[in-house]
Amino acid sequence: MDRSISVTRTYSLGNYKNIKFSDTISGIPDELANNTEFMNELRFLQIVGVDKNYFDYVQNAENWHNLNIEDAIATLDSLEKETVASLKETLDKYEIKDLD
């Protein structure tokens, strides 16, 4: 039976505001799931990835929050389009279609 591991971290943004990041890895074969060293390293990699996402968010959010609302929305819209295009490019390599 394949296993999954998850990590969720909640970060304070001050003034009673929090942001939560999660990561789940599913389908881990029993042979690997029963290897404590492997699972610890995989879990550590999840934590590092979540922390990196948090710091990327904080760094970028500073810029977005200093913009007026219209410019912030335009910036986020542009980032969203770039990210979707990048994901589609990756998925196209695996011949996964019809995401529009």
PDB file of N, CA and C in Angstrom:
ATOM      1  N   MET A   1       0.846  -1.178   0.000  1.00  0.00           N
ATOM      2  CA  MET A   1       0.000   0.000   0.000  1.00  0.00           C
ATOM      3  C   MET A   1       0.891   1.240   0.000  1.00  0.00           C
ATOM      4  N   ASP A   2       0.679   2.139  -0.951  1.00  0.00           N
ATOM      5  CA  ASP A   2       1.465   3.357  -1.031  1.00  0.00           C
ATOM      6  C   ASP A   2       1.075   4.321   0.081  1.00  0.00           C
ATOM      7  N   ARG A   3       2.058   5.124   0.502  1.00  0.00           N
ATOM      8  CA  ARG A   3       1.821   6.067   1.604  1.00  0.00           C
ATOM      9  C   ARG A   3       2.004   7.498   1.144  1.00  0.00           C
ATOM     10  N   SER A   4       1.594   8.402   1.988  1.00  0.00           N
ATOM     11  CA  SER A   4       1.735   9.831   1.738  1.00  0.00           C
ATOM     12  C   SER A   4       2.339  10.486   2.974  1.00  0.00           C
ATOM     13  N   ILE A   5       3.035  11.615   2.742  1.00  0.00           N
ATOM     14  CA  ILE A   5       3.472  12.439   3.861  1.00  0.00           C
ATOM     15  C   ILE A   5       3.112  13.881   3.528  1.00  0.00           C
ATOM     16  N   SER A   6       2.808  14.627   4.564  1.00  0.00           N
ATOM     17  CA  SER A   6       2.412  16.022   4.394  1.00  0.00           C
ATOM     18  C   SER A   6       3.106  16.885   5.427  1.00  0.00           C
ATOM     19  N   VAL A   7       3.287  18.127   5.053  1.00  0.00           N
ATOM     20  CA  VAL A   7       3.782  19.120   5.997  1.00  0.00           C
ATOM     21  C   VAL A   7       2.943  20.371   5.791  1.00  0.00           C
ATOM     22  N   THR A   8       2.559  20.999   6.890  1.00  0.00           N
ATOM     23  CA  THR A   8       1.829  22.265   6.852  1.00  0.00           C
ATOM     24  C   THR A   8       2.500  23.195   7.842  1.00  0.00           C
ATOM     25  N   ARG A   9       2.800  24.400   7.379  1.00  0.00           N
ATOM     26  CA  ARG A   9       3.426  25.391   8.253  1.00  0.00           C
ATOM     27  C   ARG A   9       2.586  26.656   8.209  1.00  0.00           C
ATOM     28  N   THR A  10       2.377  27.239   9.361  1.00  0.00           N
ATOM     29  CA  THR A  10       1.643  28.498   9.474  1.00  0.00           C
ATOM     30  C   THR A  10       2.624  29.572   9.910  1.00  0.00           C
ATOM     31  N   TYR A  11       2.637  30.670   9.164  1.00  0.00           N
ATOM     32  CA  TYR A  11       3.548  31.776   9.447  1.00  0.00           C
ATOM     33  C   TYR A  11       2.731  33.005   9.820  1.00  0.00           C
ATOM     34  N   SER A  12       3.208  33.747  10.790  1.00  0.00           N
ATOM     35  CA  SER A  12       2.546  34.992  11.188  1.00  0.00           C
ATOM     36  C   SER A  12       3.010  36.115  10.271  1.00  0.00           C
ATOM     37  N   LEU A  13       2.050  36.889   9.781  1.00  0.00           N
ATOM     38  CA  LEU A  13       2.350  38.075   8.984  1.00  0.00           C
ATOM     39  C   LEU A  13       2.168  39.332   9.812  1.00  0.00           C
ATOM     40  N   GLY A  14       1.924  39.161  11.110  1.00  0.00           N
ATOM     41  CA  GLY A  14       1.711  40.298  12.004  1.00  0.00           C
ATOM     42  C   GLY A  14       0.263  40.729  12.020  1.00  0.00           C
ATOM     43  N   ASN A  15      -0.099  41.499  13.016  1.00  0.00           N
ATOM     44  CA  ASN A  15      -1.463  42.028  13.151  1.00  0.00           C
ATOM     45  C   ASN A  15      -2.527  40.944  13.019  1.00  0.00           C
ATOM     46  N   TYR A  16      -2.296  39.811  13.646  1.00  0.00           N
ATOM     47  CA  TYR A  16      -3.239  38.686  13.660  1.00  0.00           C
ATOM     48  C   TYR A  16      -3.497  38.120  12.269  1.00  0.00           C
ATOM     49  N   LYS A  17      -2.573  38.315  11.351  1.00  0.00           N
ATOM     50  CA  LYS A  17      -2.682  37.757  10.004  1.00  0.00           C
ATOM     51  C   LYS A  17      -1.698  36.599   9.898  1.00  0.00           C
ATOM     52  N   ASN A  18      -2.160  35.512   9.324  1.00  0.00           N
ATOM     53  CA  ASN A  18      -1.327  34.328   9.125  1.00  0.00           C
ATOM     54  C   ASN A  18      -1.426  33.874   7.684  1.00  0.00           C
ATOM     55  N   ILE A  19      -0.421  33.133   7.271  1.00  0.00           N
ATOM     56  CA  ILE A  19      -0.452  32.480   5.967  1.00  0.00           C
ATOM     57  C   ILE A  19      -0.010  31.046   6.191  1.00  0.00           C
ATOM     58  N   LYS A  20      -0.649  30.130   5.485  1.00  0.00           N
ATOM     59  CA  LYS A  20      -0.382  28.716   5.684  1.00  0.00           C
ATOM     60  C   LYS A  20       0.059  28.113   4.348  1.00  0.00           C
ATOM     61  N   PHE A  21       1.142  27.344   4.389  1.00  0.00           N
ATOM     62  CA  PHE A  21       1.638  26.622   3.226  1.00  0.00           C
ATOM     63  C   PHE A  21       1.630  25.138   3.551  1.00  0.00           C
ATOM     64  N   SER A  22       1.248  24.332   2.576  1.00  0.00           N
ATOM     65  CA  SER A  22       1.213  22.880   2.760  1.00  0.00           C
ATOM     66  C   SER A  22       1.858  22.189   1.570  1.00  0.00           C
ATOM     67  N   ASP A  23       2.356  21.000   1.818  1.00  0.00           N
ATOM     68  CA  ASP A  23       2.912  20.170   0.759  1.00  0.00           C
ATOM     69  C   ASP A  23       2.607  18.722   1.095  1.00  0.00           C
ATOM     70  N   THR A  24       2.128  17.984   0.104  1.00  0.00           N
ATOM     71  CA  THR A  24       1.836  16.569   0.281  1.00  0.00           C
ATOM     72  C   THR A  24       2.504  15.785  -0.839  1.00  0.00           C
ATOM     73  N   ILE A  25       3.139  14.714  -0.474  1.00  0.00           N
ATOM     74  CA  ILE A  25       3.712  13.790  -1.448  1.00  0.00           C
ATOM     75  C   ILE A  25       2.978  12.469  -1.262  1.00  0.00           C
ATOM     76  N   SER A  26       2.348  12.013  -2.329  1.00  0.00           N
ATOM     77  CA  SER A  26       1.554  10.784  -2.275  1.00  0.00           C
ATOM     78  C   SER A  26       2.186   9.702  -3.139  1.00  0.00           C
ATOM     79  N   GLY A  27       1.740   8.501  -2.914  1.00  0.00           N
ATOM     80  CA  GLY A  27       2.167   7.383  -3.743  1.00  0.00           C
ATOM     81  C   GLY A  27       3.573   6.891  -3.441  1.00  0.00           C
ATOM     82  N   ILE A  28       4.008   7.028  -2.201  1.00  0.00           N
ATOM     83  CA  ILE A  28       5.340   6.568  -1.821  1.00  0.00           C
ATOM     84  C   ILE A  28       5.272   5.051  -1.623  1.00  0.00           C
ATOM     85  N   PRO A  29       6.053   4.309  -2.395  1.00  0.00           N
ATOM     86  CA  PRO A  29       6.020   2.850  -2.265  1.00  0.00           C
ATOM     87  C   PRO A  29       6.446   2.409  -0.860  1.00  0.00           C
ATOM     88  N   ASP A  30       5.904   1.298  -0.414  1.00  0.00           N
ATOM     89  CA  ASP A  30       6.208   0.775   0.920  1.00  0.00           C
ATOM     90  C   ASP A  30       7.703   0.609   1.159  1.00  0.00           C
ATOM     91  N   GLU A  31       8.451   0.187   0.127  1.00  0.00           N
ATOM     92  CA  GLU A  31       9.883  -0.031   0.303  1.00  0.00           C
ATOM     93  C   GLU A  31      10.574   1.260   0.749  1.00  0.00           C
ATOM     94  N   LEU A  32      10.142   2.392   0.186  1.00  0.00           N
ATOM     95  CA  LEU A  32      10.714   3.677   0.577  1.00  0.00           C
ATOM     96  C   LEU A  32      10.084   4.204   1.857  1.00  0.00           C
ATOM     97  N   ALA A  33       8.780   4.017   1.994  1.00  0.00           N
ATOM     98  CA  ALA A  33       8.078   4.512   3.172  1.00  0.00           C
ATOM     99  C   ALA A  33       8.590   3.856   4.450  1.00  0.00           C
ATOM    100  N   ASN A  34       9.093   2.652   4.344  1.00  0.00           N
ATOM    101  CA  ASN A  34       9.619   1.946   5.512  1.00  0.00           C
ATOM    102  C   ASN A  34      11.083   2.284   5.791  1.00  0.00           C
ATOM    103  N   ASN A  35      11.688   3.099   4.932  1.00  0.00           N
ATOM    104  CA  ASN A  35      13.077   3.517   5.108  1.00  0.00           C
ATOM    105  C   ASN A  35      13.069   4.853   5.851  1.00  0.00           C
ATOM    106  N   THR A  36      13.369   4.814   7.136  1.00  0.00           N
ATOM    107  CA  THR A  36      13.300   5.994   7.996  1.00  0.00           C
ATOM    108  C   THR A  36      14.189   7.120   7.495  1.00  0.00           C
ATOM    109  N   GLU A  37      15.402   6.799   7.080  1.00  0.00           N
ATOM    110  CA  GLU A  37      16.327   7.834   6.601  1.00  0.00           C
ATOM    111  C   GLU A  37      15.758   8.527   5.366  1.00  0.00           C
ATOM    112  N   PHE A  38      15.230   7.758   4.426  1.00  0.00           N
ATOM    113  CA  PHE A  38      14.634   8.340   3.224  1.00  0.00           C
ATOM    114  C   PHE A  38      13.452   9.242   3.574  1.00  0.00           C
ATOM    115  N   MET A  39      12.572   8.769   4.441  1.00  0.00           N
ATOM    116  CA  MET A  39      11.386   9.543   4.799  1.00  0.00           C
ATOM    117  C   MET A  39      11.766  10.830   5.536  1.00  0.00           C
ATOM    118  N   ASN A  40      12.767  10.771   6.398  1.00  0.00           N
ATOM    119  CA  ASN A  40      13.231  11.974   7.087  1.00  0.00           C
ATOM    120  C   ASN A  40      13.790  12.988   6.100  1.00  0.00           C
ATOM    121  N   GLU A  41      14.568  12.520   5.133  1.00  0.00           N
ATOM    122  CA  GLU A  41      15.117  13.422   4.121  1.00  0.00           C
ATOM    123  C   GLU A  41      14.014  14.009   3.240  1.00  0.00           C
ATOM    124  N   LEU A  42      13.035  13.199   2.893  1.00  0.00           N
ATOM    125  CA  LEU A  42      11.918  13.668   2.076  1.00  0.00           C
ATOM    126  C   LEU A  42      11.098  14.715   2.834  1.00  0.00           C
ATOM    127  N   ARG A  43      10.844  14.458   4.100  1.00  0.00           N
ATOM    128  CA  ARG A  43      10.108  15.405   4.937  1.00  0.00           C
ATOM    129  C   ARG A  43      10.889  16.713   5.090  1.00  0.00           C
ATOM    130  N   PHE A  44      12.230  16.607   5.278  1.00  0.00           N
ATOM    131  CA  PHE A  44      13.071  17.797   5.374  1.00  0.00           C
ATOM    132  C   PHE A  44      13.003  18.598   4.079  1.00  0.00           C
ATOM    133  N   LEU A  45      13.022  17.913   2.946  1.00  0.00           N
ATOM    134  CA  LEU A  45      12.906  18.591   1.657  1.00  0.00           C
ATOM    135  C   LEU A  45      11.570  19.327   1.550  1.00  0.00           C
ATOM    136  N   GLN A  46      10.508  18.728   2.051  1.00  0.00           N
ATOM    137  CA  GLN A  46       9.207  19.403   2.066  1.00  0.00           C
ATOM    138  C   GLN A  46       9.274  20.677   2.896  1.00  0.00           C
ATOM    139  N   ILE A  47       9.864  20.606   4.073  1.00  0.00           N
ATOM    140  CA  ILE A  47       9.951  21.772   4.952  1.00  0.00           C
ATOM    141  C   ILE A  47      10.769  22.874   4.298  1.00  0.00           C
ATOM    142  N   VAL A  48      11.897  22.514   3.689  1.00  0.00           N
ATOM    143  CA  VAL A  48      12.726  23.506   2.999  1.00  0.00           C
ATOM    144  C   VAL A  48      11.935  24.150   1.865  1.00  0.00           C
ATOM    145  N   GLY A  49      11.193  23.360   1.108  1.00  0.00           N
ATOM    146  CA  GLY A  49      10.387  23.893   0.013  1.00  0.00           C
ATOM    147  C   GLY A  49       9.296  24.829   0.497  1.00  0.00           C
ATOM    148  N   VAL A  50       8.641  24.466   1.583  1.00  0.00           N
ATOM    149  CA  VAL A  50       7.593  25.315   2.153  1.00  0.00           C
ATOM    150  C   VAL A  50       8.196  26.620   2.662  1.00  0.00           C
ATOM    151  N   ASP A  51       9.324  26.534   3.351  1.00  0.00           N
ATOM    152  CA  ASP A  51       9.985  27.754   3.829  1.00  0.00           C
ATOM    153  C   ASP A  51      10.393  28.645   2.664  1.00  0.00           C
ATOM    154  N   LYS A  52      10.918  28.058   1.601  1.00  0.00           N
ATOM    155  CA  LYS A  52      11.306  28.832   0.426  1.00  0.00           C
ATOM    156  C   LYS A  52      10.089  29.541  -0.176  1.00  0.00           C
ATOM    157  N   ASN A  53       8.984  28.836  -0.269  1.00  0.00           N
ATOM    158  CA  ASN A  53       7.760  29.458  -0.790  1.00  0.00           C
ATOM    159  C   ASN A  53       7.314  30.625   0.082  1.00  0.00           C
ATOM    160  N   TYR A  54       7.427  30.466   1.386  1.00  0.00           N
ATOM    161  CA  TYR A  54       7.061  31.549   2.301  1.00  0.00           C
ATOM    162  C   TYR A  54       7.941  32.776   2.065  1.00  0.00           C
ATOM    163  N   PHE A  55       9.252  32.580   2.020  1.00  0.00           N
ATOM    164  CA  PHE A  55      10.148  33.725   1.842  1.00  0.00           C
ATOM    165  C   PHE A  55       9.975  34.364   0.465  1.00  0.00           C
ATOM    166  N   ASP A  56       9.715  33.554  -0.567  1.00  0.00           N
ATOM    167  CA  ASP A  56       9.408  34.115  -1.890  1.00  0.00           C
ATOM    168  C   ASP A  56       8.147  34.969  -1.803  1.00  0.00           C
ATOM    169  N   TYR A  57       7.140  34.456  -1.100  1.00  0.00           N
ATOM    170  CA  TYR A  57       5.881  35.195  -0.955  1.00  0.00           C
ATOM    171  C   TYR A  57       6.122  36.529  -0.230  1.00  0.00           C
ATOM    172  N   VAL A  58       6.830  36.486   0.883  1.00  0.00           N
ATOM    173  CA  VAL A  58       7.068  37.701   1.669  1.00  0.00           C
ATOM    174  C   VAL A  58       7.821  38.736   0.836  1.00  0.00           C
ATOM    175  N   GLN A  59       8.837  38.273   0.115  1.00  0.00           N
ATOM    176  CA  GLN A  59       9.618  39.189  -0.713  1.00  0.00           C
ATOM    177  C   GLN A  59       8.749  39.829  -1.797  1.00  0.00           C
ATOM    178  N   ASN A  60       7.944  39.042  -2.474  1.00  0.00           N
ATOM    179  CA  ASN A  60       7.090  39.572  -3.541  1.00  0.00           C
ATOM    180  C   ASN A  60       5.912  40.365  -2.997  1.00  0.00           C
ATOM    181  N   ALA A  61       5.360  39.926  -1.883  1.00  0.00           N
ATOM    182  CA  ALA A  61       4.200  40.616  -1.313  1.00  0.00           C
ATOM    183  C   ALA A  61       4.547  42.042  -0.917  1.00  0.00           C
ATOM    184  N   GLU A  62       5.776  42.270  -0.467  1.00  0.00           N
ATOM    185  CA  GLU A  62       6.197  43.632  -0.140  1.00  0.00           C
ATOM    186  C   GLU A  62       6.012  44.543  -1.346  1.00  0.00           C
ATOM    187  N   ASN A  63       6.396  44.042  -2.507  1.00  0.00           N
ATOM    188  CA  ASN A  63       6.242  44.823  -3.733  1.00  0.00           C
ATOM    189  C   ASN A  63       4.776  45.025  -4.087  1.00  0.00           C
ATOM    190  N   TRP A  64       3.972  43.966  -3.991  1.00  0.00           N
ATOM    191  CA  TRP A  64       2.554  44.064  -4.352  1.00  0.00           C
ATOM    192  C   TRP A  64       1.819  45.016  -3.424  1.00  0.00           C
ATOM    193  N   HIS A  65       2.141  44.967  -2.145  1.00  0.00           N
ATOM    194  CA  HIS A  65       1.421  45.786  -1.169  1.00  0.00           C
ATOM    195  C   HIS A  65       1.805  47.259  -1.249  1.00  0.00           C
ATOM    196  N   ASN A  66       2.918  47.560  -1.904  1.00  0.00           N
ATOM    197  CA  ASN A  66       3.309  48.956  -2.094  1.00  0.00           C
ATOM    198  C   ASN A  66       2.696  49.561  -3.352  1.00  0.00           C
ATOM    199  N   LEU A  67       2.027  48.758  -4.151  1.00  0.00           N
ATOM    200  CA  LEU A  67       1.380  49.237  -5.374  1.00  0.00           C
ATOM    201  C   LEU A  67      -0.047  49.675  -5.071  1.00  0.00           C
ATOM    202  N   ASN A  68      -0.594  50.512  -5.940  1.00  0.00           N
ATOM    203  CA  ASN A  68      -2.020  50.795  -5.799  1.00  0.00           C
ATOM    204  C   ASN A  68      -2.780  49.537  -6.224  1.00  0.00           C
ATOM    205  N   ILE A  69      -4.032  49.471  -5.908  1.00  0.00           N
ATOM    206  CA  ILE A  69      -4.812  48.248  -6.115  1.00  0.00           C
ATOM    207  C   ILE A  69      -4.804  47.808  -7.576  1.00  0.00           C
ATOM    208  N   GLU A  70      -4.992  48.726  -8.490  1.00  0.00           N
ATOM    209  CA  GLU A  70      -5.042  48.366  -9.909  1.00  0.00           C
ATOM    210  C   GLU A  70      -3.716  47.769 -10.383  1.00  0.00           C
ATOM    211  N   ASP A  71      -2.606  48.385  -9.979  1.00  0.00           N
ATOM    212  CA  ASP A  71      -1.296  47.880 -10.379  1.00  0.00           C
ATOM    213  C   ASP A  71      -0.982  46.538  -9.713  1.00  0.00           C
ATOM    214  N   ALA A  72      -1.405  46.378  -8.473  1.00  0.00           N
ATOM    215  CA  ALA A  72      -1.194  45.102  -7.783  1.00  0.00           C
ATOM    216  C   ALA A  72      -1.957  43.990  -8.492  1.00  0.00           C
ATOM    217  N   ILE A  73      -3.196  44.259  -8.857  1.00  0.00           N
ATOM    218  CA  ILE A  73      -4.004  43.261  -9.571  1.00  0.00           C
ATOM    219  C   ILE A  73      -3.375  42.939 -10.915  1.00  0.00           C
ATOM    220  N   ALA A  74      -2.904  43.962 -11.628  1.00  0.00           N
ATOM    221  CA  ALA A  74      -2.264  43.738 -12.928  1.00  0.00           C
ATOM    222  C   ALA A  74      -1.002  42.898 -12.769  1.00  0.00           C
ATOM    223  N   THR A  75      -0.216  43.180 -11.749  1.00  0.00           N
ATOM    224  CA  THR A  75       1.010  42.425 -11.495  1.00  0.00           C
ATOM    225  C   THR A  75       0.691  40.975 -11.172  1.00  0.00           C
ATOM    226  N   LEU A  76      -0.276  40.751 -10.283  1.00  0.00           N
ATOM    227  CA  LEU A  76      -0.654  39.384  -9.912  1.00  0.00           C
ATOM    228  C   LEU A  76      -1.265  38.648 -11.098  1.00  0.00           C
ATOM    229  N   ASP A  77      -2.047  39.348 -11.908  1.00  0.00           N
ATOM    230  CA  ASP A  77      -2.644  38.748 -13.102  1.00  0.00           C
ATOM    231  C   ASP A  77      -1.552  38.285 -14.062  1.00  0.00           C
ATOM    232  N   SER A  78      -0.548  39.118 -14.244  1.00  0.00           N
ATOM    233  CA  SER A  78       0.570  38.774 -15.116  1.00  0.00           C
ATOM    234  C   SER A  78       1.330  37.557 -14.578  1.00  0.00           C
ATOM    235  N   LEU A  79       1.587  37.545 -13.273  1.00  0.00           N
ATOM    236  CA  LEU A  79       2.266  36.402 -12.663  1.00  0.00           C
ATOM    237  C   LEU A  79       1.451  35.121 -12.808  1.00  0.00           C
ATOM    238  N   GLU A  80       0.141  35.247 -12.658  1.00  0.00           N
ATOM    239  CA  GLU A  80      -0.738  34.091 -12.807  1.00  0.00           C
ATOM    240  C   GLU A  80      -0.658  33.547 -14.231  1.00  0.00           C
ATOM    241  N   LYS A  81      -0.724  34.422 -15.232  1.00  0.00           N
ATOM    242  CA  LYS A  81      -0.658  33.990 -16.630  1.00  0.00           C
ATOM    243  C   LYS A  81       0.681  33.330 -16.939  1.00  0.00           C
ATOM    244  N   GLU A  82       1.773  33.908 -16.439  1.00  0.00           N
ATOM    245  CA  GLU A  82       3.099  33.328 -16.651  1.00  0.00           C
ATOM    246  C   GLU A  82       3.190  31.939 -16.029  1.00  0.00           C
ATOM    247  N   THR A  83       2.642  31.800 -14.833  1.00  0.00           N
ATOM    248  CA  THR A  83       2.698  30.511 -14.134  1.00  0.00           C
ATOM    249  C   THR A  83       1.865  29.461 -14.847  1.00  0.00           C
ATOM    250  N   VAL A  84       0.661  29.834 -15.281  1.00  0.00           N
ATOM    251  CA  VAL A  84      -0.202  28.898 -16.016  1.00  0.00           C
ATOM    252  C   VAL A  84       0.484  28.474 -17.312  1.00  0.00           C
ATOM    253  N   ALA A  85       1.092  29.420 -18.027  1.00  0.00           N
ATOM    254  CA  ALA A  85       1.795  29.093 -19.272  1.00  0.00           C
ATOM    255  C   ALA A  85       2.951  28.126 -19.004  1.00  0.00           C
ATOM    256  N   SER A  86       3.675  28.357 -17.925  1.00  0.00           N
ATOM    257  CA  SER A  86       4.785  27.473 -17.569  1.00  0.00           C
ATOM    258  C   SER A  86       4.287  26.076 -17.229  1.00  0.00           C
ATOM    259  N   LEU A  87       3.196  26.000 -16.465  1.00  0.00           N
ATOM    260  CA  LEU A  87       2.625  24.695 -16.124  1.00  0.00           C
ATOM    261  C   LEU A  87       2.141  23.962 -17.370  1.00  0.00           C
ATOM    262  N   LYS A  88       1.477  24.691 -18.273  1.00  0.00           N
ATOM    263  CA  LYS A  88       1.001  24.068 -19.521  1.00  0.00           C
ATOM    264  C   LYS A  88       2.170  23.547 -20.340  1.00  0.00           C
ATOM    265  N   GLU A  89       3.255  24.314 -20.395  1.00  0.00           N
ATOM    266  CA  GLU A  89       4.442  23.877 -21.134  1.00  0.00           C
ATOM    267  C   GLU A  89       4.989  22.578 -20.561  1.00  0.00           C
ATOM    268  N   THR A  90       5.053  22.507 -19.241  1.00  0.00           N
ATOM    269  CA  THR A  90       5.533  21.285 -18.588  1.00  0.00           C
ATOM    270  C   THR A  90       4.589  20.123 -18.859  1.00  0.00           C
ATOM    271  N   LEU A  91       3.287  20.366 -18.725  1.00  0.00           N
ATOM    272  CA  LEU A  91       2.313  19.296 -18.947  1.00  0.00           C
ATOM    273  C   LEU A  91       2.294  18.839 -20.398  1.00  0.00           C
ATOM    274  N   ASP A  92       2.531  19.765 -21.325  1.00  0.00           N
ATOM    275  CA  ASP A  92       2.574  19.391 -22.747  1.00  0.00           C
ATOM    276  C   ASP A  92       3.696  18.410 -23.024  1.00  0.00           C
ATOM    277  N   LYS A  93       4.771  18.486 -22.270  1.00  0.00           N
ATOM    278  CA  LYS A  93       5.873  17.538 -22.432  1.00  0.00           C
ATOM    279  C   LYS A  93       5.406  16.130 -22.100  1.00  0.00           C
ATOM    280  N   TYR A  94       4.396  16.036 -21.250  1.00  0.00           N
ATOM    281  CA  TYR A  94       3.857  14.733 -20.870  1.00  0.00           C
ATOM    282  C   TYR A  94       2.570  14.433 -21.602  1.00  0.00           C
ATOM    283  N   GLU A  95       2.271  15.245 -22.621  1.00  0.00           N
ATOM    284  CA  GLU A  95       1.116  15.055 -23.488  1.00  0.00           C
ATOM    285  C   GLU A  95      -0.204  15.079 -22.726  1.00  0.00           C
ATOM    286  N   ILE A  96      -0.284  15.941 -21.723  1.00  0.00           N
ATOM    287  CA  ILE A  96      -1.532  16.154 -21.008  1.00  0.00           C
ATOM    288  C   ILE A  96      -2.177  17.389 -21.621  1.00  0.00           C
ATOM    289  N   LYS A  97      -3.357  17.254 -22.191  1.00  0.00           N
ATOM    290  CA  LYS A  97      -3.970  18.323 -22.970  1.00  0.00           C
ATOM    291  C   LYS A  97      -5.295  18.779 -22.337  1.00  0.00           C
ATOM    292  N   ASP A  98      -5.915  19.724 -23.016  1.00  0.00           N
ATOM    293  CA  ASP A  98      -7.271  20.205 -22.701  1.00  0.00           C
ATOM    294  C   ASP A  98      -7.398  20.809 -21.310  1.00  0.00           C
ATOM    295  N   LEU A  99      -6.524  21.736 -20.961  1.00  0.00           N
ATOM    296  CA  LEU A  99      -6.609  22.395 -19.664  1.00  0.00           C
ATOM    297  C   LEU A  99      -7.262  23.757 -19.758  1.00  0.00           C
ATOM    298  N   ASP A 100      -7.622  24.196 -20.941  1.00  0.00           N
ATOM    299  CA  ASP A 100      -8.229  25.536 -21.080  1.00  0.00           C
ATOM    300  C   ASP A 100      -9.643  25.565 -20.585  1.00  0.00           C
TER     301      ASP A 100
END
